[in-house]
Amino acid sequence: MSEDKARTKHKNGSNCAVSVFAAYAERMGIPETEAVKTAPKPRSEGGKCGAFLAGKAVLERLRPDAVQEYERRFTEMNGQTECSRLIAAHGKLRKSCNDYVGDAARLVEELVR
């Protein structure tokens, strides 16, 4: 499952965006090495979470019509998409960055079925 793959990549040291984007490399039809190089940069769009940005980028390739739904659901789950605010909310939400990676990958999985 892509969520497990993304979480494992993150636990093994990949940043949040690479973890999500590379988990979907095969489905996007690109080698994982290319996915690692072309993953969105964390905080590159207005300080947004890298996991969020990577999930959005995957959907833009696999199912563009689902991007808005993804954005809505991620925000509903976590209250926002801004990296620094998500990190600040770790204790309140009882989540870690690895959980945001899991959320992004799981939402993508649900939306590309």
N, C-alpha and C. Protein backbone atom coordinates (compact mmCIF):
# COMPACT_ATOMS: atom_id res chain seq x y z
N MET A 1 0.84 -1.19 0.00
CA MET A 1 0.00 0.00 0.00
C MET A 1 0.88 1.24 0.00
N SER A 2 0.49 2.23 -0.73
CA SER A 2 1.30 3.44 -0.89
C SER A 2 1.47 4.22 0.41
N GLU A 3 0.47 4.19 1.29
CA GLU A 3 0.62 4.89 2.57
C GLU A 3 1.78 4.29 3.37
N ASP A 4 1.83 2.97 3.44
CA ASP A 4 2.92 2.31 4.17
C ASP A 4 4.27 2.63 3.55
N LYS A 5 4.32 2.61 2.23
CA LYS A 5 5.58 2.90 1.53
C LYS A 5 6.02 4.33 1.83
N ALA A 6 5.09 5.27 1.77
CA ALA A 6 5.42 6.67 2.03
C ALA A 6 5.89 6.86 3.47
N ARG A 7 5.18 6.27 4.42
CA ARG A 7 5.57 6.39 5.83
C ARG A 7 6.95 5.79 6.07
N THR A 8 7.22 4.65 5.46
CA THR A 8 8.52 3.99 5.63
C THR A 8 9.63 4.84 5.05
N LYS A 9 9.42 5.41 3.86
CA LYS A 9 10.43 6.28 3.25
C LYS A 9 10.72 7.47 4.18
N HIS A 10 9.67 8.02 4.76
CA HIS A 10 9.85 9.16 5.65
C HIS A 10 10.61 8.75 6.92
N LYS A 11 10.24 7.63 7.50
CA LYS A 11 10.94 7.14 8.69
C LYS A 11 12.40 6.85 8.40
N ASN A 12 12.71 6.50 7.14
CA ASN A 12 14.08 6.19 6.76
C ASN A 12 14.87 7.41 6.30
N GLY A 13 14.31 8.61 6.46
CA GLY A 13 15.07 9.82 6.21
C GLY A 13 14.69 10.66 5.01
N SER A 14 13.77 10.21 4.18
CA SER A 14 13.35 11.05 3.05
C SER A 14 12.46 12.18 3.59
N ASN A 15 12.51 13.32 2.93
CA ASN A 15 11.63 14.40 3.39
C ASN A 15 10.18 14.05 3.06
N CYS A 16 9.27 14.83 3.60
CA CYS A 16 7.85 14.52 3.48
C CYS A 16 7.37 14.48 2.02
N ALA A 17 7.81 15.43 1.21
CA ALA A 17 7.37 15.48 -0.18
C ALA A 17 7.91 14.31 -0.99
N VAL A 18 9.18 14.02 -0.84
CA VAL A 18 9.78 12.89 -1.55
C VAL A 18 9.09 11.59 -1.14
N SER A 19 8.80 11.45 0.14
CA SER A 19 8.18 10.23 0.65
C SER A 19 6.86 9.93 -0.04
N VAL A 20 6.02 10.95 -0.17
CA VAL A 20 4.70 10.76 -0.80
C VAL A 20 4.86 10.61 -2.31
N PHE A 21 5.61 11.49 -2.93
CA PHE A 21 5.73 11.50 -4.40
C PHE A 21 6.37 10.20 -4.90
N ALA A 22 7.43 9.76 -4.26
CA ALA A 22 8.12 8.54 -4.69
C ALA A 22 7.26 7.29 -4.46
N ALA A 23 6.38 7.32 -3.47
CA ALA A 23 5.51 6.18 -3.22
C ALA A 23 4.57 5.92 -4.41
N TYR A 24 4.34 6.94 -5.21
CA TYR A 24 3.45 6.82 -6.37
C TYR A 24 4.19 6.81 -7.70
N ALA A 25 5.52 6.71 -7.67
CA ALA A 25 6.31 6.76 -8.90
C ALA A 25 5.84 5.74 -9.93
N GLU A 26 5.70 4.51 -9.51
CA GLU A 26 5.31 3.45 -10.46
C GLU A 26 3.95 3.76 -11.08
N ARG A 27 3.01 4.20 -10.29
CA ARG A 27 1.67 4.51 -10.82
C ARG A 27 1.70 5.70 -11.76
N MET A 28 2.66 6.61 -11.53
CA MET A 28 2.78 7.77 -12.42
C MET A 28 3.59 7.42 -13.66
N GLY A 29 4.17 6.21 -13.69
CA GLY A 29 4.93 5.77 -14.86
C GLY A 29 6.33 6.36 -14.94
N ILE A 30 6.90 6.70 -13.79
CA ILE A 30 8.26 7.23 -13.78
C ILE A 30 9.12 6.41 -12.82
N PRO A 31 10.42 6.34 -13.06
CA PRO A 31 11.29 5.64 -12.13
C PRO A 31 11.33 6.36 -10.78
N GLU A 32 11.50 5.61 -9.72
CA GLU A 32 11.54 6.22 -8.39
C GLU A 32 12.67 7.24 -8.29
N THR A 33 13.79 6.99 -8.95
CA THR A 33 14.91 7.94 -8.90
C THR A 33 14.50 9.29 -9.50
N GLU A 34 13.68 9.26 -10.54
CA GLU A 34 13.18 10.51 -11.12
C GLU A 34 12.20 11.19 -10.18
N ALA A 35 11.35 10.40 -9.54
CA ALA A 35 10.38 10.95 -8.59
C ALA A 35 11.10 11.66 -7.44
N VAL A 36 12.18 11.07 -6.97
CA VAL A 36 12.95 11.69 -5.89
C VAL A 36 13.49 13.05 -6.33
N LYS A 37 13.94 13.14 -7.57
CA LYS A 37 14.51 14.39 -8.09
C LYS A 37 13.45 15.44 -8.42
N THR A 38 12.25 15.01 -8.77
CA THR A 38 11.23 15.95 -9.25
C THR A 38 10.10 16.21 -8.25
N ALA A 39 10.20 15.64 -7.07
CA ALA A 39 9.17 15.88 -6.04
C ALA A 39 9.10 17.36 -5.71
N PRO A 40 7.92 17.86 -5.39
CA PRO A 40 7.82 19.26 -4.98
C PRO A 40 8.71 19.52 -3.76
N LYS A 41 9.19 20.72 -3.65
CA LYS A 41 10.01 21.11 -2.50
C LYS A 41 9.09 21.50 -1.34
N PRO A 42 9.33 20.96 -0.15
CA PRO A 42 8.52 21.36 1.00
C PRO A 42 8.53 22.88 1.17
N ARG A 43 7.40 23.42 1.50
CA ARG A 43 7.21 24.86 1.74
C ARG A 43 7.42 25.73 0.50
N SER A 44 7.48 25.11 -0.69
CA SER A 44 7.75 25.87 -1.92
C SER A 44 6.56 26.68 -2.41
N GLU A 45 5.38 26.35 -1.96
CA GLU A 45 4.17 27.11 -2.34
C GLU A 45 3.60 27.75 -1.09
N GLY A 46 4.01 28.94 -0.80
CA GLY A 46 3.44 29.66 0.33
C GLY A 46 3.61 28.97 1.68
N GLY A 47 4.68 28.23 1.85
CA GLY A 47 4.95 27.57 3.12
C GLY A 47 4.14 26.31 3.37
N LYS A 48 3.53 25.78 2.32
CA LYS A 48 2.69 24.60 2.49
C LYS A 48 3.50 23.34 2.78
N CYS A 49 2.87 22.42 3.49
CA CYS A 49 3.46 21.13 3.85
C CYS A 49 3.89 20.36 2.60
N GLY A 50 5.08 19.79 2.65
CA GLY A 50 5.59 19.02 1.52
C GLY A 50 4.77 17.80 1.20
N ALA A 51 4.28 17.12 2.23
CA ALA A 51 3.43 15.94 2.00
C ALA A 51 2.16 16.36 1.25
N PHE A 52 1.56 17.46 1.69
CA PHE A 52 0.37 17.99 1.03
C PHE A 52 0.67 18.32 -0.43
N LEU A 53 1.78 19.04 -0.67
CA LEU A 53 2.14 19.43 -2.03
C LEU A 53 2.41 18.22 -2.92
N ALA A 54 3.06 17.21 -2.37
CA ALA A 54 3.35 16.00 -3.16
C ALA A 54 2.08 15.26 -3.52
N GLY A 55 1.16 15.14 -2.58
CA GLY A 55 -0.12 14.49 -2.88
C GLY A 55 -0.86 15.22 -3.98
N LYS A 56 -0.84 16.54 -3.91
CA LYS A 56 -1.48 17.36 -4.95
C LYS A 56 -0.81 17.13 -6.30
N ALA A 57 0.53 17.07 -6.31
CA ALA A 57 1.27 16.86 -7.57
C ALA A 57 0.99 15.48 -8.16
N VAL A 58 0.86 14.47 -7.31
CA VAL A 58 0.52 13.13 -7.80
C VAL A 58 -0.85 13.16 -8.47
N LEU A 59 -1.81 13.77 -7.80
CA LEU A 59 -3.16 13.84 -8.37
C LEU A 59 -3.21 14.67 -9.65
N GLU A 60 -2.40 15.70 -9.73
CA GLU A 60 -2.36 16.49 -10.97
C GLU A 60 -1.94 15.62 -12.15
N ARG A 61 -1.16 14.59 -11.90
CA ARG A 61 -0.73 13.67 -12.95
C ARG A 61 -1.73 12.53 -13.18
N LEU A 62 -2.29 12.01 -12.10
CA LEU A 62 -3.13 10.82 -12.20
C LEU A 62 -4.62 11.09 -12.29
N ARG A 63 -5.06 12.15 -11.64
CA ARG A 63 -6.49 12.44 -11.63
C ARG A 63 -6.73 13.91 -11.30
N PRO A 64 -6.46 14.79 -12.26
CA PRO A 64 -6.55 16.23 -12.01
C PRO A 64 -7.90 16.70 -11.47
N ASP A 65 -8.96 16.01 -11.84
CA ASP A 65 -10.28 16.42 -11.38
C ASP A 65 -10.47 16.20 -9.88
N ALA A 66 -9.56 15.50 -9.22
CA ALA A 66 -9.69 15.21 -7.79
C ALA A 66 -8.85 16.13 -6.91
N VAL A 67 -8.11 17.07 -7.50
CA VAL A 67 -7.21 17.92 -6.72
C VAL A 67 -7.97 18.76 -5.70
N GLN A 68 -9.05 19.37 -6.09
CA GLN A 68 -9.80 20.21 -5.15
C GLN A 68 -10.36 19.38 -4.00
N GLU A 69 -10.84 18.19 -4.29
CA GLU A 69 -11.35 17.31 -3.24
C GLU A 69 -10.23 16.92 -2.28
N TYR A 70 -9.06 16.63 -2.81
CA TYR A 70 -7.89 16.31 -1.99
C TYR A 70 -7.56 17.49 -1.06
N GLU A 71 -7.50 18.69 -1.62
CA GLU A 71 -7.19 19.87 -0.82
C GLU A 71 -8.21 20.06 0.29
N ARG A 72 -9.47 19.89 -0.04
CA ARG A 72 -10.54 20.04 0.95
C ARG A 72 -10.40 19.01 2.07
N ARG A 73 -10.20 17.75 1.70
CA ARG A 73 -10.13 16.68 2.69
C ARG A 73 -8.88 16.78 3.57
N PHE A 74 -7.72 17.12 2.99
CA PHE A 74 -6.51 17.27 3.79
C PHE A 74 -6.70 18.39 4.81
N THR A 75 -7.26 19.51 4.36
CA THR A 75 -7.50 20.64 5.25
C THR A 75 -8.51 20.27 6.33
N GLU A 76 -9.54 19.55 5.97
CA GLU A 76 -10.54 19.12 6.94
C GLU A 76 -9.91 18.22 8.01
N MET A 77 -9.02 17.33 7.60
CA MET A 77 -8.37 16.40 8.53
C MET A 77 -7.41 17.10 9.48
N ASN A 78 -6.72 18.13 8.98
CA ASN A 78 -5.61 18.71 9.72
C ASN A 78 -5.75 20.19 10.07
N GLY A 79 -6.80 20.81 9.61
CA GLY A 79 -7.05 22.20 9.96
C GLY A 79 -6.36 23.22 9.08
N GLN A 80 -5.32 22.81 8.35
CA GLN A 80 -4.58 23.71 7.48
C GLN A 80 -3.60 22.93 6.62
N THR A 81 -2.89 23.65 5.76
CA THR A 81 -1.89 23.01 4.89
C THR A 81 -0.51 23.62 5.08
N GLU A 82 -0.40 24.66 5.89
CA GLU A 82 0.88 25.33 6.09
C GLU A 82 1.78 24.52 7.02
N CYS A 83 2.99 24.26 6.55
CA CYS A 83 3.95 23.42 7.27
C CYS A 83 4.18 23.88 8.71
N SER A 84 4.53 25.12 8.91
CA SER A 84 4.87 25.59 10.26
C SER A 84 3.69 25.47 11.21
N ARG A 85 2.50 25.69 10.72
CA ARG A 85 1.31 25.57 11.58
C ARG A 85 0.99 24.11 11.89
N LEU A 86 1.22 23.24 10.92
CA LEU A 86 1.02 21.81 11.18
C LEU A 86 2.01 21.32 12.23
N ILE A 87 3.25 21.75 12.11
CA ILE A 87 4.26 21.36 13.09
C ILE A 87 3.90 21.90 14.47
N ALA A 88 3.45 23.14 14.52
CA ALA A 88 3.05 23.74 15.80
C ALA A 88 1.85 23.02 16.42
N ALA A 89 1.04 22.38 15.59
CA ALA A 89 -0.16 21.69 16.07
C ALA A 89 0.08 20.22 16.41
N HIS A 90 1.32 19.74 16.33
CA HIS A 90 1.61 18.33 16.60
C HIS A 90 0.96 17.86 17.89
N GLY A 91 1.18 18.57 18.98
CA GLY A 91 0.62 18.15 20.27
C GLY A 91 -0.89 18.20 20.31
N LYS A 92 -1.45 19.28 19.80
CA LYS A 92 -2.90 19.45 19.80
C LYS A 92 -3.59 18.39 18.95
N LEU A 93 -3.04 18.14 17.75
CA LEU A 93 -3.64 17.15 16.84
C LEU A 93 -3.19 15.72 17.15
N ARG A 94 -2.17 15.61 18.01
CA ARG A 94 -1.57 14.31 18.31
C ARG A 94 -1.07 13.63 17.04
N LYS A 95 -0.40 14.44 16.23
CA LYS A 95 0.14 13.96 14.96
C LYS A 95 1.59 14.38 14.83
N SER A 96 2.31 13.67 13.99
CA SER A 96 3.69 14.00 13.64
C SER A 96 3.74 14.24 12.14
N CYS A 97 4.91 14.65 11.66
CA CYS A 97 5.06 14.83 10.21
C CYS A 97 4.80 13.50 9.48
N ASN A 98 5.19 12.40 10.09
CA ASN A 98 4.94 11.10 9.47
C ASN A 98 3.44 10.84 9.33
N ASP A 99 2.66 11.35 10.26
CA ASP A 99 1.20 11.21 10.14
C ASP A 99 0.65 12.04 8.98
N TYR A 100 1.22 13.22 8.75
CA TYR A 100 0.79 14.04 7.60
C TYR A 100 1.17 13.36 6.29
N VAL A 101 2.33 12.71 6.28
CA VAL A 101 2.74 11.92 5.11
C VAL A 101 1.71 10.81 4.87
N GLY A 102 1.33 10.13 5.94
CA GLY A 102 0.32 9.07 5.82
C GLY A 102 -1.02 9.60 5.36
N ASP A 103 -1.44 10.74 5.91
CA ASP A 103 -2.71 11.34 5.50
C ASP A 103 -2.70 11.65 4.01
N ALA A 104 -1.63 12.28 3.53
CA ALA A 104 -1.55 12.66 2.11
C ALA A 104 -1.59 11.42 1.22
N ALA A 105 -0.80 10.42 1.55
CA ALA A 105 -0.75 9.20 0.73
C ALA A 105 -2.09 8.46 0.75
N ARG A 106 -2.72 8.39 1.92
CA ARG A 106 -4.01 7.70 2.03
C ARG A 106 -5.09 8.42 1.22
N LEU A 107 -5.11 9.74 1.28
CA LEU A 107 -6.09 10.50 0.51
C LEU A 107 -5.89 10.31 -0.99
N VAL A 108 -4.63 10.34 -1.42
CA VAL A 108 -4.36 10.11 -2.85
C VAL A 108 -4.88 8.73 -3.24
N GLU A 109 -4.56 7.74 -2.42
CA GLU A 109 -5.01 6.36 -2.70
C GLU A 109 -6.52 6.29 -2.85
N GLU A 110 -7.23 6.94 -1.94
CA GLU A 110 -8.70 6.93 -1.99
C GLU A 110 -9.22 7.62 -3.25
N LEU A 111 -8.55 8.65 -3.68
CA LEU A 111 -9.03 9.45 -4.81
C LEU A 111 -8.63 8.90 -6.18
N VAL A 112 -7.64 8.02 -6.25
CA VAL A 112 -7.26 7.47 -7.56
C VAL A 112 -7.85 6.09 -7.80
N ARG A 113 -8.57 5.56 -6.87
CA ARG A 113 -9.19 4.23 -7.05
C ARG A 113 -10.16 4.23 -8.19
